[in-house]
Amino acid sequence: MGYDKSFIENFDGKIILHQAAEKVFNVLGVKKLSSIKTLKNEHAILKSEKNKLYSEYKKTKDKVKKLTIIKANTDRLLVYPKSRKVLKKRF
């Protein structure tokens, strides 16, 4: 099947990209691509899941931050009486 020489010259880059994509799809065993409607629906589902998981992540991150502060305060309180005893002995 021959193409016009000017057509090949004008679209050479796109033809090469198309052939490369075709090879990849053949290797992956993809025969038909999903429709735009199907892809949009899948994207909406994934975005919804992402938002839900991000909300859980944010709550967990806040909880970790609070627990880290509590631990730091507890550590300070556990060390404080020891240093206080040292101060009492000096005076």
C-alpha atoms as a PDB file:
ATOM      1  CA  MET A   1       0.000   0.000   0.000  1.00  0.00           C
ATOM      2  CA  GLY A   2       1.703   3.164  -1.167  1.00  0.00           C
ATOM      3  CA  TYR A   3       1.280   6.631   0.184  1.00  0.00           C
ATOM      4  CA  ASP A   4       1.903   9.940  -1.479  1.00  0.00           C
ATOM      5  CA  LYS A   5       5.515  11.021  -0.873  1.00  0.00           C
ATOM      6  CA  SER A   6       4.458  14.458   0.402  1.00  0.00           C
ATOM      7  CA  PHE A   7       2.057  12.796   2.896  1.00  0.00           C
ATOM      8  CA  ILE A   8       4.861  10.657   4.310  1.00  0.00           C
ATOM      9  CA  GLU A   9       7.170  13.677   4.551  1.00  0.00           C
ATOM     10  CA  ASN A  10       4.524  15.769   6.330  1.00  0.00           C
ATOM     11  CA  PHE A  11       3.480  13.096   8.825  1.00  0.00           C
ATOM     12  CA  ASP A  12       6.678  11.061   9.212  1.00  0.00           C
ATOM     13  CA  GLY A  13       7.007  11.755  12.962  1.00  0.00           C
ATOM     14  CA  LYS A  14       3.387  10.874  13.674  1.00  0.00           C
ATOM     15  CA  ILE A  15       3.617   7.703  11.575  1.00  0.00           C
ATOM     16  CA  ILE A  16       6.676   6.573  13.553  1.00  0.00           C
ATOM     17  CA  LEU A  17       4.895   7.279  16.867  1.00  0.00           C
ATOM     18  CA  HIS A  18       1.835   5.370  15.666  1.00  0.00           C
ATOM     19  CA  GLN A  19       3.930   2.364  14.650  1.00  0.00           C
ATOM     20  CA  ALA A  20       5.773   2.392  18.000  1.00  0.00           C
ATOM     21  CA  ALA A  21       2.478   2.573  19.919  1.00  0.00           C
ATOM     22  CA  GLU A  22       1.075  -0.248  17.809  1.00  0.00           C
ATOM     23  CA  LYS A  23       4.084  -2.437  18.694  1.00  0.00           C
ATOM     24  CA  VAL A  24       3.624  -1.743  22.408  1.00  0.00           C
ATOM     25  CA  PHE A  25      -0.078  -2.585  22.279  1.00  0.00           C
ATOM     26  CA  ASN A  26       0.693  -5.793  20.396  1.00  0.00           C
ATOM     27  CA  VAL A  27       3.275  -6.823  23.013  1.00  0.00           C
ATOM     28  CA  LEU A  28       0.747  -6.100  25.797  1.00  0.00           C
ATOM     29  CA  GLY A  29      -1.960  -8.007  23.953  1.00  0.00           C
ATOM     30  CA  VAL A  30      -4.279  -5.004  23.720  1.00  0.00           C
ATOM     31  CA  LYS A  31      -6.687  -5.439  20.850  1.00  0.00           C
ATOM     32  CA  LYS A  32      -9.151  -2.629  21.493  1.00  0.00           C
ATOM     33  CA  LEU A  33      -8.828   0.490  23.623  1.00  0.00           C
ATOM     34  CA  SER A  34     -11.518   1.467  26.107  1.00  0.00           C
ATOM     35  CA  SER A  35     -13.982   4.148  25.093  1.00  0.00           C
ATOM     36  CA  ILE A  36     -13.669   7.701  26.405  1.00  0.00           C
ATOM     37  CA  LYS A  37     -16.890   7.238  28.400  1.00  0.00           C
ATOM     38  CA  THR A  38     -15.488   4.123  30.107  1.00  0.00           C
ATOM     39  CA  LEU A  39     -12.206   5.890  30.859  1.00  0.00           C
ATOM     40  CA  LYS A  40     -14.026   8.926  32.297  1.00  0.00           C
ATOM     41  CA  ASN A  41     -16.141   6.674  34.540  1.00  0.00           C
ATOM     42  CA  GLU A  42     -13.049   4.801  35.728  1.00  0.00           C
ATOM     43  CA  HIS A  43     -11.274   8.106  36.353  1.00  0.00           C
ATOM     44  CA  ALA A  44     -14.220   9.375  38.422  1.00  0.00           C
ATOM     45  CA  ILE A  45     -14.211   6.196  40.524  1.00  0.00           C
ATOM     46  CA  LEU A  46     -10.463   6.375  41.088  1.00  0.00           C
ATOM     47  CA  LYS A  47     -10.644  10.083  41.954  1.00  0.00           C
ATOM     48  CA  SER A  48     -13.388   9.370  44.491  1.00  0.00           C
ATOM     49  CA  GLU A  49     -11.287   6.608  46.070  1.00  0.00           C
ATOM     50  CA  LYS A  50      -8.263   8.916  46.131  1.00  0.00           C
ATOM     51  CA  ASN A  51     -10.223  11.646  47.905  1.00  0.00           C
ATOM     52  CA  LYS A  52     -11.539   9.149  50.471  1.00  0.00           C
ATOM     53  CA  LEU A  53      -8.079   7.737  51.105  1.00  0.00           C
ATOM     54  CA  TYR A  54      -6.567  11.214  51.313  1.00  0.00           C
ATOM     55  CA  SER A  55      -9.149  12.170  53.925  1.00  0.00           C
ATOM     56  CA  GLU A  56      -8.190   9.086  55.964  1.00  0.00           C
ATOM     57  CA  TYR A  57      -4.503   9.897  55.454  1.00  0.00           C
ATOM     58  CA  LYS A  58      -5.006  13.448  56.711  1.00  0.00           C
ATOM     59  CA  LYS A  59      -6.855  12.222  59.826  1.00  0.00           C
ATOM     60  CA  THR A  60      -4.120   9.683  60.524  1.00  0.00           C
ATOM     61  CA  LYS A  61      -1.411  12.291  59.973  1.00  0.00           C
ATOM     62  CA  ASP A  62      -3.104  14.635  62.466  1.00  0.00           C
ATOM     63  CA  LYS A  63      -3.402  11.788  64.965  1.00  0.00           C
ATOM     64  CA  VAL A  64       0.293  10.957  64.601  1.00  0.00           C
ATOM     65  CA  LYS A  65       1.167  14.621  65.109  1.00  0.00           C
ATOM     66  CA  LYS A  66      -0.892  14.776  68.313  1.00  0.00           C
ATOM     67  CA  LEU A  67       0.589  11.519  69.584  1.00  0.00           C
ATOM     68  CA  THR A  68       4.098  12.792  68.861  1.00  0.00           C
ATOM     69  CA  ILE A  69       3.394  15.929  70.902  1.00  0.00           C
ATOM     70  CA  ILE A  70       1.949  13.834  73.741  1.00  0.00           C
ATOM     71  CA  LYS A  71       5.009  11.571  73.700  1.00  0.00           C
ATOM     72  CA  ALA A  72       7.378  14.543  73.746  1.00  0.00           C
ATOM     73  CA  ASN A  73       5.474  16.096  76.670  1.00  0.00           C
ATOM     74  CA  THR A  74       5.462  12.783  78.532  1.00  0.00           C
ATOM     75  CA  ASP A  75       9.186  12.357  77.963  1.00  0.00           C
ATOM     76  CA  ARG A  76       9.791  15.852  79.330  1.00  0.00           C
ATOM     77  CA  LEU A  77       7.649  15.146  82.383  1.00  0.00           C
ATOM     78  CA  LEU A  78       9.457  11.900  83.091  1.00  0.00           C
ATOM     79  CA  VAL A  79      12.832  13.657  82.894  1.00  0.00           C
ATOM     80  CA  TYR A  80      11.740  16.822  84.757  1.00  0.00           C
ATOM     81  CA  PRO A  81      11.565  15.361  88.299  1.00  0.00           C
ATOM     82  CA  LYS A  82      15.102  14.006  87.997  1.00  0.00           C
ATOM     83  CA  SER A  83      16.498  17.410  87.099  1.00  0.00           C
ATOM     84  CA  ARG A  84      14.394  19.027  89.843  1.00  0.00           C
ATOM     85  CA  LYS A  85      15.910  16.732  92.468  1.00  0.00           C
ATOM     86  CA  VAL A  86      19.360  17.825  91.361  1.00  0.00           C
ATOM     87  CA  LEU A  87      18.374  21.476  91.779  1.00  0.00           C
ATOM     88  CA  LYS A  88      17.014  20.855  95.319  1.00  0.00           C
ATOM     89  CA  LYS A  89      20.251  19.177  96.412  1.00  0.00           C
ATOM     90  CA  ARG A  90      22.314  22.200  95.364  1.00  0.00           C
ATOM     91  CA  PHE A  91      20.294  24.725  97.343  1.00  0.00           C
END
